Amino acid sequence: MRVIGLCRFSYPAIGGFKRMHDTVEEREAYLYAPERMDLRFRHFEALTLPSIAAQKDKRFTFLVVTGERMPKRYRDRLNDICASVPEVKLVTAPPAKHRTAMQNVIKAELGEDQTESLQFRLDDDDAVGTNFIRGIRRTARLVWKLRADWQNLVIEYSSGYSIKLTPDGILAKDMQGQFLACGLAVLFRPQDKKTVMNFAHHKLHHSMPTIIDPTTPMYLRAVHDDNDSRARGKDTGLKPLTDEDRAFFKARFNVDEKAVQAAFSSLSALRDKV
């Protein structure tokens, strides 16, 4: 069984965003604006990449998809940070319809597609638990009799945290999500024409059997001013981490509050100069 994850990193899709633009050029100008890119890189480097790098089960591929016309300084930075994680594969793609483009990326990675695959998606400002890959593999294996006649299966961890990264550290609150993009995976049979990116994640349970673990915290979902999702601006109730929280975040997600403080203090200082 293969496990494949996908992360869009400022890919200029046609559609796929709640913020709309009339042309690809306008979308690229928005995506590659310096202040926005600084924010995306700092979240990716503090949350997404550490959680992927520390997976306890290394048998997976994490596709990071970006546009062909990303400015060189950002492409070089992305290459450098991704090169340190063997499971990460950087993919460039021309502008295209969102779901079709991402489907093509995943199908290309599957190749001849001769075995089952577990597929998941993760935004570039979120994180998953370091036992996420191990957990979805284990669940798929344990329920093989139950799913014998099912074309697909959703495995969801609904428990996690909403967080905000600041110069002072991490603000957080626990949450129960309903079919968020983070914290779930979909099992596909060989030769299935569709991929996890062909479905609206919040409607997966409308068409597929689903197994939900509501008790194991498995994701960090960041809120900030550049959120494209409904998470944008939902930072009420967030509180500073306790010492116990800091240790838990490091152990569970490989997210280090000191690294967050350093990254976002420098970002704040940079903005003050502008």
C-alpha atoms as a PDB file:
ATOM      1  CA  MET A   1       0.000   0.000   0.000  1.00  0.00           C
ATOM      2  CA  ARG A   2       1.354   3.408  -1.009  1.00  0.00           C
ATOM      3  CA  VAL A   3       0.832   6.585   0.966  1.00  0.00           C
ATOM      4  CA  ILE A   4       0.901   9.878  -0.921  1.00  0.00           C
ATOM      5  CA  GLY A   5       0.348  13.347   0.480  1.00  0.00           C
ATOM      6  CA  LEU A   6      -0.100  16.560  -1.468  1.00  0.00           C
ATOM      7  CA  CYS A   7       0.540  20.164  -0.471  1.00  0.00           C
ATOM      8  CA  ARG A   8      -0.026  23.189  -2.707  1.00  0.00           C
ATOM      9  CA  PHE A   9       2.617  25.828  -2.091  1.00  0.00           C
ATOM     10  CA  SER A  10       1.411  28.987  -3.835  1.00  0.00           C
ATOM     11  CA  TYR A  11       0.339  27.076  -6.925  1.00  0.00           C
ATOM     12  CA  PRO A  12      -1.578  29.415  -9.310  1.00  0.00           C
ATOM     13  CA  ALA A  13      -4.609  27.223  -9.884  1.00  0.00           C
ATOM     14  CA  ILE A  14      -7.518  28.260 -12.046  1.00  0.00           C
ATOM     15  CA  GLY A  15     -10.205  28.031  -9.397  1.00  0.00           C
ATOM     16  CA  GLY A  16      -9.641  26.305  -6.071  1.00  0.00           C
ATOM     17  CA  PHE A  17      -9.417  29.540  -4.066  1.00  0.00           C
ATOM     18  CA  LYS A  18     -12.122  31.543  -2.353  1.00  0.00           C
ATOM     19  CA  ARG A  19     -10.255  34.689  -3.413  1.00  0.00           C
ATOM     20  CA  MET A  20     -10.911  35.030  -7.132  1.00  0.00           C
ATOM     21  CA  HIS A  21      -8.767  36.708  -9.808  1.00  0.00           C
ATOM     22  CA  ASP A  22      -9.618  37.508 -13.413  1.00  0.00           C
ATOM     23  CA  THR A  23      -6.338  36.264 -14.889  1.00  0.00           C
ATOM     24  CA  VAL A  24      -3.524  33.867 -14.051  1.00  0.00           C
ATOM     25  CA  GLU A  25      -1.146  36.830 -13.983  1.00  0.00           C
ATOM     26  CA  GLU A  26      -3.241  38.563 -11.324  1.00  0.00           C
ATOM     27  CA  ARG A  27      -3.293  35.381  -9.257  1.00  0.00           C
ATOM     28  CA  GLU A  28       0.476  34.980  -9.528  1.00  0.00           C
ATOM     29  CA  ALA A  29       1.012  38.596  -8.516  1.00  0.00           C
ATOM     30  CA  TYR A  30      -1.120  37.977  -5.432  1.00  0.00           C
ATOM     31  CA  LEU A  31       0.496  34.643  -4.570  1.00  0.00           C
ATOM     32  CA  TYR A  32       4.087  35.812  -4.972  1.00  0.00           C
ATOM     33  CA  ALA A  33       3.780  39.162  -3.208  1.00  0.00           C
ATOM     34  CA  PRO A  34       6.804  39.391  -0.838  1.00  0.00           C
ATOM     35  CA  GLU A  35       4.856  39.889   2.397  1.00  0.00           C
ATOM     36  CA  ARG A  36       2.553  36.965   1.638  1.00  0.00           C
ATOM     37  CA  MET A  37       5.432  34.676   0.694  1.00  0.00           C
ATOM     38  CA  ASP A  38       7.278  35.523   3.918  1.00  0.00           C
ATOM     39  CA  LEU A  39       4.202  34.511   5.905  1.00  0.00           C
ATOM     40  CA  ARG A  40       3.682  31.268   3.964  1.00  0.00           C
ATOM     41  CA  PHE A  41       7.319  30.214   4.241  1.00  0.00           C
ATOM     42  CA  ARG A  42       7.415  30.811   7.979  1.00  0.00           C
ATOM     43  CA  HIS A  43       4.307  28.708   8.560  1.00  0.00           C
ATOM     44  CA  PHE A  44       5.561  25.972   6.230  1.00  0.00           C
ATOM     45  CA  GLU A  45       8.966  25.912   7.941  1.00  0.00           C
ATOM     46  CA  ALA A  46       7.542  25.992  11.478  1.00  0.00           C
ATOM     47  CA  LEU A  47       4.560  23.658  11.068  1.00  0.00           C
ATOM     48  CA  THR A  48       4.157  21.627   7.899  1.00  0.00           C
ATOM     49  CA  LEU A  49       7.706  20.568   7.127  1.00  0.00           C
ATOM     50  CA  PRO A  50       8.745  19.620  10.703  1.00  0.00           C
ATOM     51  CA  SER A  51       5.656  17.449  11.121  1.00  0.00           C
ATOM     52  CA  ILE A  52       6.315  15.686   7.818  1.00  0.00           C
ATOM     53  CA  ALA A  53      10.032  15.251   8.517  1.00  0.00           C
ATOM     54  CA  ALA A  54       9.365  13.582  11.884  1.00  0.00           C
ATOM     55  CA  GLN A  55       6.862  10.955  10.681  1.00  0.00           C
ATOM     56  CA  LYS A  56       7.514   7.690  12.498  1.00  0.00           C
ATOM     57  CA  ASP A  57       6.571   5.685   9.398  1.00  0.00           C
ATOM     58  CA  LYS A  58       8.792   6.839   6.529  1.00  0.00           C
ATOM     59  CA  ARG A  59       6.996   4.874   3.819  1.00  0.00           C
ATOM     60  CA  PHE A  60       5.287   7.745   2.052  1.00  0.00           C
ATOM     61  CA  THR A  61       5.771  10.501  -0.512  1.00  0.00           C
ATOM     62  CA  PHE A  62       4.810  14.106   0.169  1.00  0.00           C
ATOM     63  CA  LEU A  63       4.278  16.095  -3.029  1.00  0.00           C
ATOM     64  CA  VAL A  64       4.795  19.854  -2.711  1.00  0.00           C
ATOM     65  CA  VAL A  65       3.266  21.466  -5.789  1.00  0.00           C
ATOM     66  CA  THR A  66       4.083  24.970  -6.968  1.00  0.00           C
ATOM     67  CA  GLY A  67       3.898  27.029 -10.131  1.00  0.00           C
ATOM     68  CA  GLU A  68       6.378  27.131 -12.991  1.00  0.00           C
ATOM     69  CA  ARG A  69       6.749  30.908 -12.730  1.00  0.00           C
ATOM     70  CA  MET A  70       7.460  31.175  -9.021  1.00  0.00           C
ATOM     71  CA  PRO A  71      10.242  33.774  -8.656  1.00  0.00           C
ATOM     72  CA  LYS A  72      13.701  32.213  -8.462  1.00  0.00           C
ATOM     73  CA  ARG A  73      14.488  33.421  -4.940  1.00  0.00           C
ATOM     74  CA  TYR A  74      11.407  31.637  -3.626  1.00  0.00           C
ATOM     75  CA  ARG A  75      11.974  28.541  -5.744  1.00  0.00           C
ATOM     76  CA  ASP A  76      15.542  28.283  -4.447  1.00  0.00           C
ATOM     77  CA  ARG A  77      14.397  28.675  -0.854  1.00  0.00           C
ATOM     78  CA  LEU A  78      11.719  26.030  -1.304  1.00  0.00           C
ATOM     79  CA  ASN A  79      14.212  23.654  -2.926  1.00  0.00           C
ATOM     80  CA  ASP A  80      16.665  24.135  -0.076  1.00  0.00           C
ATOM     81  CA  ILE A  81      14.237  23.475   2.765  1.00  0.00           C
ATOM     82  CA  CYS A  82      12.539  20.534   1.047  1.00  0.00           C
ATOM     83  CA  ALA A  83      15.848  18.873   0.172  1.00  0.00           C
ATOM     84  CA  SER A  84      16.419  18.058   3.835  1.00  0.00           C
ATOM     85  CA  VAL A  85      13.386  15.732   3.950  1.00  0.00           C
ATOM     86  CA  PRO A  86      13.789  12.620   1.735  1.00  0.00           C
ATOM     87  CA  GLU A  87      10.050  11.949   1.635  1.00  0.00           C
ATOM     88  CA  VAL A  88       9.308  15.356   0.095  1.00  0.00           C
ATOM     89  CA  LYS A  89       9.133  15.649  -3.689  1.00  0.00           C
ATOM     90  CA  LEU A  90       8.906  19.141  -5.180  1.00  0.00           C
ATOM     91  CA  VAL A  91       6.721  19.316  -8.294  1.00  0.00           C
ATOM     92  CA  THR A  92       6.168  22.274 -10.626  1.00  0.00           C
ATOM     93  CA  ALA A  93       3.061  22.503 -12.769  1.00  0.00           C
ATOM     94  CA  PRO A  94       1.623  25.018 -15.255  1.00  0.00           C
ATOM     95  CA  PRO A  95      -1.571  26.906 -14.351  1.00  0.00           C
ATOM     96  CA  ALA A  96      -4.629  24.691 -14.813  1.00  0.00           C
ATOM     97  CA  LYS A  97      -7.978  23.935 -13.227  1.00  0.00           C
ATOM     98  CA  HIS A  98      -7.333  23.134  -9.598  1.00  0.00           C
ATOM     99  CA  ARG A  99      -8.756  19.637  -9.237  1.00  0.00           C
ATOM    100  CA  THR A 100      -7.525  18.462 -12.635  1.00  0.00           C
ATOM    101  CA  ALA A 101      -4.007  19.773 -12.033  1.00  0.00           C
ATOM    102  CA  MET A 102      -3.693  18.108  -8.620  1.00  0.00           C
ATOM    103  CA  GLN A 103      -5.242  14.886  -9.919  1.00  0.00           C
ATOM    104  CA  ASN A 104      -2.588  14.770 -12.656  1.00  0.00           C
ATOM    105  CA  VAL A 105       0.225  15.293 -10.134  1.00  0.00           C
ATOM    106  CA  ILE A 106      -0.950  12.440  -7.924  1.00  0.00           C
ATOM    107  CA  LYS A 107      -1.632  10.091 -10.866  1.00  0.00           C
ATOM    108  CA  ALA A 108       1.847  10.772 -12.234  1.00  0.00           C
ATOM    109  CA  GLU A 109       3.326   9.787  -8.873  1.00  0.00           C
ATOM    110  CA  LEU A 110       1.207   6.616  -8.750  1.00  0.00           C
ATOM    111  CA  GLY A 111       2.603   5.551 -12.125  1.00  0.00           C
ATOM    112  CA  GLU A 112       1.241   2.164 -13.140  1.00  0.00           C
ATOM    113  CA  ASP A 113      -0.977   2.260 -10.030  1.00  0.00           C
ATOM    114  CA  GLN A 114      -0.897  -1.446  -9.196  1.00  0.00           C
ATOM    115  CA  THR A 115      -1.622  -1.279  -5.477  1.00  0.00           C
ATOM    116  CA  GLU A 116      -3.948   0.410  -3.036  1.00  0.00           C
ATOM    117  CA  SER A 117      -3.042   3.933  -2.007  1.00  0.00           C
ATOM    118  CA  LEU A 118      -3.822   6.120   0.954  1.00  0.00           C
ATOM    119  CA  GLN A 119      -3.916   9.740  -0.146  1.00  0.00           C
ATOM    120  CA  PHE A 120      -4.047  12.879   1.960  1.00  0.00           C
ATOM    121  CA  ARG A 121      -3.807  16.627   1.499  1.00  0.00           C
ATOM    122  CA  LEU A 122      -2.256  19.216   3.778  1.00  0.00           C
ATOM    123  CA  ASP A 123      -2.198  22.982   3.523  1.00  0.00           C
ATOM    124  CA  ASP A 124       1.172  24.710   3.697  1.00  0.00           C
ATOM    125  CA  ASP A 125       0.293  26.319   7.042  1.00  0.00           C
ATOM    126  CA  ASP A 126      -0.942  23.215   8.894  1.00  0.00           C
ATOM    127  CA  ALA A 127       0.680  20.203  10.560  1.00  0.00           C
ATOM    128  CA  VAL A 128      -0.145  16.577  11.287  1.00  0.00           C
ATOM    129  CA  GLY A 129       0.897  14.358  14.154  1.00  0.00           C
ATOM    130  CA  THR A 130       4.172  12.495  13.747  1.00  0.00           C
ATOM    131  CA  ASN A 131       2.257   9.192  13.900  1.00  0.00           C
ATOM    132  CA  PHE A 132      -0.231  10.193  11.191  1.00  0.00           C
ATOM    133  CA  ILE A 133       1.208   7.956   8.445  1.00  0.00           C
ATOM    134  CA  ARG A 134       1.563   5.077  10.885  1.00  0.00           C
ATOM    135  CA  GLY A 135      -1.992   5.608  12.109  1.00  0.00           C
ATOM    136  CA  ILE A 136      -3.729   5.628   8.737  1.00  0.00           C
ATOM    137  CA  ARG A 137      -1.769   2.561   7.598  1.00  0.00           C
ATOM    138  CA  ARG A 138      -2.685   0.695  10.775  1.00  0.00           C
ATOM    139  CA  THR A 139      -6.367   1.570  10.506  1.00  0.00           C
ATOM    140  CA  ALA A 140      -6.551   0.522   6.841  1.00  0.00           C
ATOM    141  CA  ARG A 141      -4.892  -2.779   7.718  1.00  0.00           C
ATOM    142  CA  LEU A 142      -7.100  -3.506  10.733  1.00  0.00           C
ATOM    143  CA  VAL A 143     -10.380  -2.959   8.856  1.00  0.00           C
ATOM    144  CA  TRP A 144      -9.515  -4.868   5.693  1.00  0.00           C
ATOM    145  CA  LYS A 145     -12.427  -7.301   6.132  1.00  0.00           C
ATOM    146  CA  LEU A 146     -14.870  -4.477   6.738  1.00  0.00           C
ATOM    147  CA  ARG A 147     -13.792  -2.587   3.628  1.00  0.00           C
ATOM    148  CA  ALA A 148     -13.436  -5.592   1.323  1.00  0.00           C
ATOM    149  CA  ASP A 149     -16.362  -4.529  -0.868  1.00  0.00           C
ATOM    150  CA  TRP A 150     -15.883  -0.765  -0.571  1.00  0.00           C
ATOM    151  CA  GLN A 151     -14.389   1.239  -3.398  1.00  0.00           C
ATOM    152  CA  ASN A 152     -13.083   3.920  -1.028  1.00  0.00           C
ATOM    153  CA  LEU A 153     -12.662   4.548   2.670  1.00  0.00           C
ATOM    154  CA  VAL A 154     -12.134   7.783   4.599  1.00  0.00           C
ATOM    155  CA  ILE A 155      -9.990   7.661   7.735  1.00  0.00           C
ATOM    156  CA  GLU A 156     -10.398  10.809   9.794  1.00  0.00           C
ATOM    157  CA  TYR A 157      -8.839  12.143  12.970  1.00  0.00           C
ATOM    158  CA  SER A 158     -11.281  14.820  14.051  1.00  0.00           C
ATOM    159  CA  SER A 159      -9.384  16.049  17.106  1.00  0.00           C
ATOM    160  CA  GLY A 160      -6.689  18.720  16.877  1.00  0.00           C
ATOM    161  CA  TYR A 161      -5.818  22.299  17.653  1.00  0.00           C
ATOM    162  CA  SER A 162      -6.509  25.693  16.185  1.00  0.00           C
ATOM    163  CA  ILE A 163      -3.345  27.764  16.557  1.00  0.00           C
ATOM    164  CA  LYS A 164      -1.878  31.165  15.828  1.00  0.00           C
ATOM    165  CA  LEU A 165       1.871  31.772  15.450  1.00  0.00           C
ATOM    166  CA  THR A 166       3.164  35.036  16.932  1.00  0.00           C
ATOM    167  CA  PRO A 167       6.462  36.654  17.982  1.00  0.00           C
ATOM    168  CA  ASP A 168       5.564  35.678  21.563  1.00  0.00           C
ATOM    169  CA  GLY A 169       4.982  32.049  20.673  1.00  0.00           C
ATOM    170  CA  ILE A 170       2.003  29.826  19.940  1.00  0.00           C
ATOM    171  CA  LEU A 171      -1.589  30.519  20.881  1.00  0.00           C
ATOM    172  CA  ALA A 172      -3.833  27.456  20.787  1.00  0.00           C
ATOM    173  CA  LYS A 173      -7.146  25.863  21.639  1.00  0.00           C
ATOM    174  CA  ASP A 174      -8.302  22.299  21.183  1.00  0.00           C
ATOM    175  CA  MET A 175     -10.987  21.646  18.596  1.00  0.00           C
ATOM    176  CA  GLN A 176     -13.123  18.981  16.961  1.00  0.00           C
ATOM    177  CA  GLY A 177     -13.241  19.412  13.194  1.00  0.00           C
ATOM    178  CA  GLN A 178     -15.658  17.980  10.685  1.00  0.00           C
ATOM    179  CA  PHE A 179     -13.845  16.623   7.629  1.00  0.00           C
ATOM    180  CA  LEU A 180     -11.151  19.282   7.497  1.00  0.00           C
ATOM    181  CA  ALA A 181      -8.439  19.078   4.854  1.00  0.00           C
ATOM    182  CA  CYS A 182      -5.907  18.235   7.557  1.00  0.00           C
ATOM    183  CA  GLY A 183      -6.072  15.052   9.607  1.00  0.00           C
ATOM    184  CA  LEU A 184      -7.761  12.729   7.127  1.00  0.00           C
ATOM    185  CA  ALA A 185      -6.848  10.331   4.344  1.00  0.00           C
ATOM    186  CA  VAL A 186      -8.760   8.439   1.643  1.00  0.00           C
ATOM    187  CA  LEU A 187      -8.075   4.903   0.504  1.00  0.00           C
ATOM    188  CA  PHE A 188      -8.204   4.260  -3.258  1.00  0.00           C
ATOM    189  CA  ARG A 189      -8.201   1.006  -5.190  1.00  0.00           C
ATOM    190  CA  PRO A 190      -5.676   0.490  -7.996  1.00  0.00           C
ATOM    191  CA  GLN A 191      -6.567   2.201 -11.273  1.00  0.00           C
ATOM    192  CA  ASP A 192      -9.153   4.493  -9.701  1.00  0.00           C
ATOM    193  CA  LYS A 193      -9.543   7.473 -12.030  1.00  0.00           C
ATOM    194  CA  LYS A 194     -10.022   9.887  -9.142  1.00  0.00           C
ATOM    195  CA  THR A 195      -7.759  11.053  -6.332  1.00  0.00           C
ATOM    196  CA  VAL A 196      -8.214  12.727  -2.966  1.00  0.00           C
ATOM    197  CA  MET A 197      -8.034  16.093  -4.750  1.00  0.00           C
ATOM    198  CA  ASN A 198     -11.110  15.306  -6.867  1.00  0.00           C
ATOM    199  CA  PHE A 199     -13.372  15.566  -3.834  1.00  0.00           C
ATOM    200  CA  ALA A 200     -14.453  18.408  -1.592  1.00  0.00           C
ATOM    201  CA  HIS A 201     -12.968  17.240   1.705  1.00  0.00           C
ATOM    202  CA  HIS A 202     -15.936  18.479   3.758  1.00  0.00           C
ATOM    203  CA  LYS A 203     -18.308  16.298   1.695  1.00  0.00           C
ATOM    204  CA  LEU A 204     -16.340  13.059   1.580  1.00  0.00           C
ATOM    205  CA  HIS A 205     -18.728  11.348   3.997  1.00  0.00           C
ATOM    206  CA  HIS A 206     -21.563  11.939   1.539  1.00  0.00           C
ATOM    207  CA  SER A 207     -20.136   9.340  -0.822  1.00  0.00           C
ATOM    208  CA  MET A 208     -17.733   7.127   1.144  1.00  0.00           C
ATOM    209  CA  PRO A 209     -17.787   4.996   4.287  1.00  0.00           C
ATOM    210  CA  THR A 210     -15.843   6.723   7.029  1.00  0.00           C
ATOM    211  CA  ILE A 211     -13.952   5.709  10.151  1.00  0.00           C
ATOM    212  CA  ILE A 212     -13.466   8.539  12.641  1.00  0.00           C
ATOM    213  CA  ASP A 213     -11.096   8.699  15.596  1.00  0.00           C
ATOM    214  CA  PRO A 214     -12.404  11.570  17.736  1.00  0.00           C
ATOM    215  CA  THR A 215      -9.907  11.215  20.595  1.00  0.00           C
ATOM    216  CA  THR A 216      -6.372  11.251  19.154  1.00  0.00           C
ATOM    217  CA  PRO A 217      -5.150  14.827  18.467  1.00  0.00           C
ATOM    218  CA  MET A 218      -3.673  14.676  14.964  1.00  0.00           C
ATOM    219  CA  TYR A 219      -3.508  18.141  13.428  1.00  0.00           C
ATOM    220  CA  LEU A 220      -2.604  21.785  13.969  1.00  0.00           C
ATOM    221  CA  ARG A 221      -4.674  24.222  11.937  1.00  0.00           C
ATOM    222  CA  ALA A 222      -3.223  27.716  11.704  1.00  0.00           C
ATOM    223  CA  VAL A 223      -5.313  30.880  11.641  1.00  0.00           C
ATOM    224  CA  HIS A 224      -3.892  34.103  10.247  1.00  0.00           C
ATOM    225  CA  ASP A 225      -4.774  36.999   7.968  1.00  0.00           C
ATOM    226  CA  ASP A 226      -3.894  35.128   4.769  1.00  0.00           C
ATOM    227  CA  ASN A 227      -6.139  32.102   5.345  1.00  0.00           C
ATOM    228  CA  ASP A 228      -8.145  31.284   2.235  1.00  0.00           C
ATOM    229  CA  SER A 229     -10.416  28.960   4.197  1.00  0.00           C
ATOM    230  CA  ARG A 230     -13.095  29.560   6.783  1.00  0.00           C
ATOM    231  CA  ALA A 231     -10.381  29.407   9.451  1.00  0.00           C
ATOM    232  CA  ARG A 232      -9.474  32.978   8.585  1.00  0.00           C
ATOM    233  CA  GLY A 233      -9.914  35.272  11.555  1.00  0.00           C
ATOM    234  CA  LYS A 234     -11.242  32.555  13.876  1.00  0.00           C
ATOM    235  CA  ASP A 235      -8.734  33.224  16.639  1.00  0.00           C
ATOM    236  CA  THR A 236     -11.116  33.691  19.574  1.00  0.00           C
ATOM    237  CA  GLY A 237     -10.401  31.583  22.634  1.00  0.00           C
ATOM    238  CA  LEU A 238      -6.755  30.950  21.765  1.00  0.00           C
ATOM    239  CA  LYS A 239      -4.431  30.855  24.780  1.00  0.00           C
ATOM    240  CA  PRO A 240      -0.641  30.743  25.286  1.00  0.00           C
ATOM    241  CA  LEU A 241       0.883  27.295  25.670  1.00  0.00           C
ATOM    242  CA  THR A 242       1.700  25.951  29.091  1.00  0.00           C
ATOM    243  CA  ASP A 243       4.961  24.091  29.701  1.00  0.00           C
ATOM    244  CA  GLU A 244       3.008  20.860  29.356  1.00  0.00           C
ATOM    245  CA  ASP A 245       1.548  22.066  26.040  1.00  0.00           C
ATOM    246  CA  ARG A 246       4.986  22.963  24.704  1.00  0.00           C
ATOM    247  CA  ALA A 247       6.314  19.511  25.464  1.00  0.00           C
ATOM    248  CA  PHE A 248       3.231  17.894  23.933  1.00  0.00           C
ATOM    249  CA  PHE A 249       3.418  19.976  20.722  1.00  0.00           C
ATOM    250  CA  LYS A 250       7.083  19.063  20.315  1.00  0.00           C
ATOM    251  CA  ALA A 251       6.485  15.362  20.934  1.00  0.00           C
ATOM    252  CA  ARG A 252       3.254  15.053  18.962  1.00  0.00           C
ATOM    253  CA  PHE A 253       3.844  17.425  16.028  1.00  0.00           C
ATOM    254  CA  ASN A 254       7.590  18.219  16.108  1.00  0.00           C
ATOM    255  CA  VAL A 255       6.634  21.893  16.443  1.00  0.00           C
ATOM    256  CA  ASP A 256       9.024  23.956  18.579  1.00  0.00           C
ATOM    257  CA  GLU A 257       7.720  27.148  20.158  1.00  0.00           C
ATOM    258  CA  LYS A 258      11.213  28.687  20.368  1.00  0.00           C
ATOM    259  CA  ALA A 259      11.613  28.257  16.619  1.00  0.00           C
ATOM    260  CA  VAL A 260       8.206  29.902  16.114  1.00  0.00           C
ATOM    261  CA  GLN A 261       9.210  32.847  18.307  1.00  0.00           C
ATOM    262  CA  ALA A 262      12.448  33.325  16.372  1.00  0.00           C
ATOM    263  CA  ALA A 263      10.774  33.108  12.964  1.00  0.00           C
ATOM    264  CA  PHE A 264       7.906  35.431  13.733  1.00  0.00           C
ATOM    265  CA  SER A 265       9.992  37.941  15.686  1.00  0.00           C
ATOM    266  CA  SER A 266      12.187  38.367  12.614  1.00  0.00           C
ATOM    267  CA  LEU A 267       9.099  38.636  10.403  1.00  0.00           C
ATOM    268  CA  SER A 268       7.667  41.337  12.668  1.00  0.00           C
ATOM    269  CA  ALA A 269      10.976  43.215  12.604  1.00  0.00           C
ATOM    270  CA  LEU A 270      11.103  43.000   8.813  1.00  0.00           C
ATOM    271  CA  ARG A 271       7.596  44.425   8.484  1.00  0.00           C
ATOM    272  CA  ASP A 272       8.419  47.271  10.866  1.00  0.00           C
ATOM    273  CA  LYS A 273      11.177  48.362   8.486  1.00  0.00           C
ATOM    274  CA  VAL A 274       8.857  48.480   5.481  1.00  0.00           C
END
